[in-house]
Amino acid sequence: ELFLGDVADLAVTSCMKLCTAEFKEKYGSIQSGNLYVIAVGKYGGQEMRLDSDLDIVFVYDAANEHELSSGDQAFQPNVYFMRLTQ
């Protein structure tokens, strides 16, 4: 069942690309910010089974915590990335 980790990687990557693109259309982007996805648990250890949870942690960094997103409704990085990950 080693392939399940690869399937999970593809699912998470695809979802993040789609969600980020849709979110950017509405709220713009944070130029100095990045969002990272960290796999933990069975997923992080590449020990996925058919009954495994997909445990992930989101971490962002932004060079300027006061920078506003470029959209019509502007957010600072902490709010921007919190809403993006929801």
C-alpha atoms as a PDB file:
ATOM      1  CA  GLU A   1       0.000   0.000   0.000  1.00  0.00           C
ATOM      2  CA  LEU A   2       2.992   2.283  -0.496  1.00  0.00           C
ATOM      3  CA  PHE A   3       1.196   3.966  -3.383  1.00  0.00           C
ATOM      4  CA  LEU A   4      -1.331   5.522  -0.965  1.00  0.00           C
ATOM      5  CA  GLY A   5       1.210   8.138   0.109  1.00  0.00           C
ATOM      6  CA  ASP A   6       1.670   9.109  -3.534  1.00  0.00           C
ATOM      7  CA  VAL A   7      -2.094   9.314  -4.018  1.00  0.00           C
ATOM      8  CA  ALA A   8      -2.352  11.511  -0.922  1.00  0.00           C
ATOM      9  CA  ASP A   9       0.449  13.763  -2.223  1.00  0.00           C
ATOM     10  CA  LEU A  10      -1.365  14.212  -5.526  1.00  0.00           C
ATOM     11  CA  ALA A  11      -4.672  14.924  -3.786  1.00  0.00           C
ATOM     12  CA  VAL A  12      -3.198  17.487  -1.390  1.00  0.00           C
ATOM     13  CA  THR A  13      -1.153  19.179  -4.126  1.00  0.00           C
ATOM     14  CA  SER A  14      -4.112  19.360  -6.513  1.00  0.00           C
ATOM     15  CA  CYS A  15      -6.474  20.665  -3.838  1.00  0.00           C
ATOM     16  CA  MET A  16      -3.985  23.306  -2.733  1.00  0.00           C
ATOM     17  CA  LYS A  17      -3.472  24.520  -6.310  1.00  0.00           C
ATOM     18  CA  LEU A  18      -7.207  24.755  -6.965  1.00  0.00           C
ATOM     19  CA  CYS A  19      -8.056  26.368  -3.635  1.00  0.00           C
ATOM     20  CA  THR A  20      -5.179  28.832  -3.837  1.00  0.00           C
ATOM     21  CA  ALA A  21      -6.098  29.894  -7.386  1.00  0.00           C
ATOM     22  CA  GLU A  22      -9.741  30.432  -6.431  1.00  0.00           C
ATOM     23  CA  PHE A  23      -8.776  32.288  -3.246  1.00  0.00           C
ATOM     24  CA  LYS A  24      -6.337  34.553  -5.121  1.00  0.00           C
ATOM     25  CA  GLU A  25      -9.058  35.548  -7.586  1.00  0.00           C
ATOM     26  CA  LYS A  26     -11.165  36.847  -4.737  1.00  0.00           C
ATOM     27  CA  TYR A  27      -8.609  38.123  -2.203  1.00  0.00           C
ATOM     28  CA  GLY A  28      -5.421  38.651  -4.209  1.00  0.00           C
ATOM     29  CA  SER A  29      -2.095  37.435  -2.887  1.00  0.00           C
ATOM     30  CA  ILE A  30       0.542  38.209  -0.290  1.00  0.00           C
ATOM     31  CA  GLN A  31       3.698  38.886  -2.275  1.00  0.00           C
ATOM     32  CA  SER A  32       6.100  38.186   0.590  1.00  0.00           C
ATOM     33  CA  GLY A  33       4.210  35.144   1.880  1.00  0.00           C
ATOM     34  CA  ASN A  34       4.362  31.407   1.343  1.00  0.00           C
ATOM     35  CA  LEU A  35       2.155  28.580   2.556  1.00  0.00           C
ATOM     36  CA  TYR A  36       3.588  25.160   3.329  1.00  0.00           C
ATOM     37  CA  VAL A  37       1.856  21.858   3.951  1.00  0.00           C
ATOM     38  CA  ILE A  38       3.517  19.434   6.345  1.00  0.00           C
ATOM     39  CA  ALA A  39       2.416  15.812   6.370  1.00  0.00           C
ATOM     40  CA  VAL A  40       2.342  14.199   9.815  1.00  0.00           C
ATOM     41  CA  GLY A  41       1.242  10.875  11.250  1.00  0.00           C
ATOM     42  CA  LYS A  42       0.997   7.899   8.921  1.00  0.00           C
ATOM     43  CA  TYR A  43       0.944  10.249   5.937  1.00  0.00           C
ATOM     44  CA  GLY A  44       4.150  11.993   6.992  1.00  0.00           C
ATOM     45  CA  GLY A  45       5.851   8.673   7.652  1.00  0.00           C
ATOM     46  CA  GLN A  46       4.738   7.305   4.267  1.00  0.00           C
ATOM     47  CA  GLU A  47       2.930   4.491   6.099  1.00  0.00           C
ATOM     48  CA  MET A  48      -0.553   5.138   4.738  1.00  0.00           C
ATOM     49  CA  ARG A  49      -3.139   2.375   4.850  1.00  0.00           C
ATOM     50  CA  LEU A  50      -6.680   2.319   3.513  1.00  0.00           C
ATOM     51  CA  ASP A  51      -8.029   3.362   6.924  1.00  0.00           C
ATOM     52  CA  SER A  52      -5.416   6.082   7.599  1.00  0.00           C
ATOM     53  CA  ASP A  53      -6.292   9.696   8.248  1.00  0.00           C
ATOM     54  CA  LEU A  54      -4.745  12.429   6.146  1.00  0.00           C
ATOM     55  CA  ASP A  55      -3.033  14.456   8.870  1.00  0.00           C
ATOM     56  CA  ILE A  56      -1.558  17.742   7.670  1.00  0.00           C
ATOM     57  CA  VAL A  57      -0.351  20.964   9.259  1.00  0.00           C
ATOM     58  CA  PHE A  58      -0.306  24.310   7.479  1.00  0.00           C
ATOM     59  CA  VAL A  59       2.530  26.755   8.122  1.00  0.00           C
ATOM     60  CA  TYR A  60       2.987  30.141   6.504  1.00  0.00           C
ATOM     61  CA  ASP A  61       5.733  32.695   6.500  1.00  0.00           C
ATOM     62  CA  ALA A  62       5.591  36.294   5.456  1.00  0.00           C
ATOM     63  CA  ALA A  63       8.474  38.737   5.369  1.00  0.00           C
ATOM     64  CA  ASN A  64       6.141  41.573   6.321  1.00  0.00           C
ATOM     65  CA  GLU A  65       3.324  40.773   8.780  1.00  0.00           C
ATOM     66  CA  HIS A  66       1.729  44.158   8.009  1.00  0.00           C
ATOM     67  CA  GLU A  67       1.569  43.672   4.244  1.00  0.00           C
ATOM     68  CA  LEU A  68      -1.976  43.556   2.895  1.00  0.00           C
ATOM     69  CA  SER A  69      -3.175  41.150   0.253  1.00  0.00           C
ATOM     70  CA  SER A  70      -3.672  42.632  -3.190  1.00  0.00           C
ATOM     71  CA  GLY A  71      -7.416  41.909  -3.501  1.00  0.00           C
ATOM     72  CA  ASP A  72     -10.380  44.233  -3.135  1.00  0.00           C
ATOM     73  CA  GLN A  73     -10.873  42.902   0.376  1.00  0.00           C
ATOM     74  CA  ALA A  74      -7.358  43.085   1.801  1.00  0.00           C
ATOM     75  CA  PHE A  75      -6.076  40.985   4.697  1.00  0.00           C
ATOM     76  CA  GLN A  76      -2.860  40.866   6.672  1.00  0.00           C
ATOM     77  CA  PRO A  77      -0.931  37.577   6.338  1.00  0.00           C
ATOM     78  CA  ASN A  78      -2.230  35.948   9.534  1.00  0.00           C
ATOM     79  CA  VAL A  79      -5.878  36.377   8.471  1.00  0.00           C
ATOM     80  CA  TYR A  80      -5.175  35.716   4.800  1.00  0.00           C
ATOM     81  CA  PHE A  81      -3.507  32.349   5.357  1.00  0.00           C
ATOM     82  CA  MET A  82      -5.951  31.313   8.092  1.00  0.00           C
ATOM     83  CA  ARG A  83      -8.859  31.857   5.701  1.00  0.00           C
ATOM     84  CA  LEU A  84      -7.047  30.202   2.808  1.00  0.00           C
ATOM     85  CA  THR A  85      -6.491  27.031   4.806  1.00  0.00           C
ATOM     86  CA  GLN A  86     -10.126  26.851   5.885  1.00  0.00           C
END
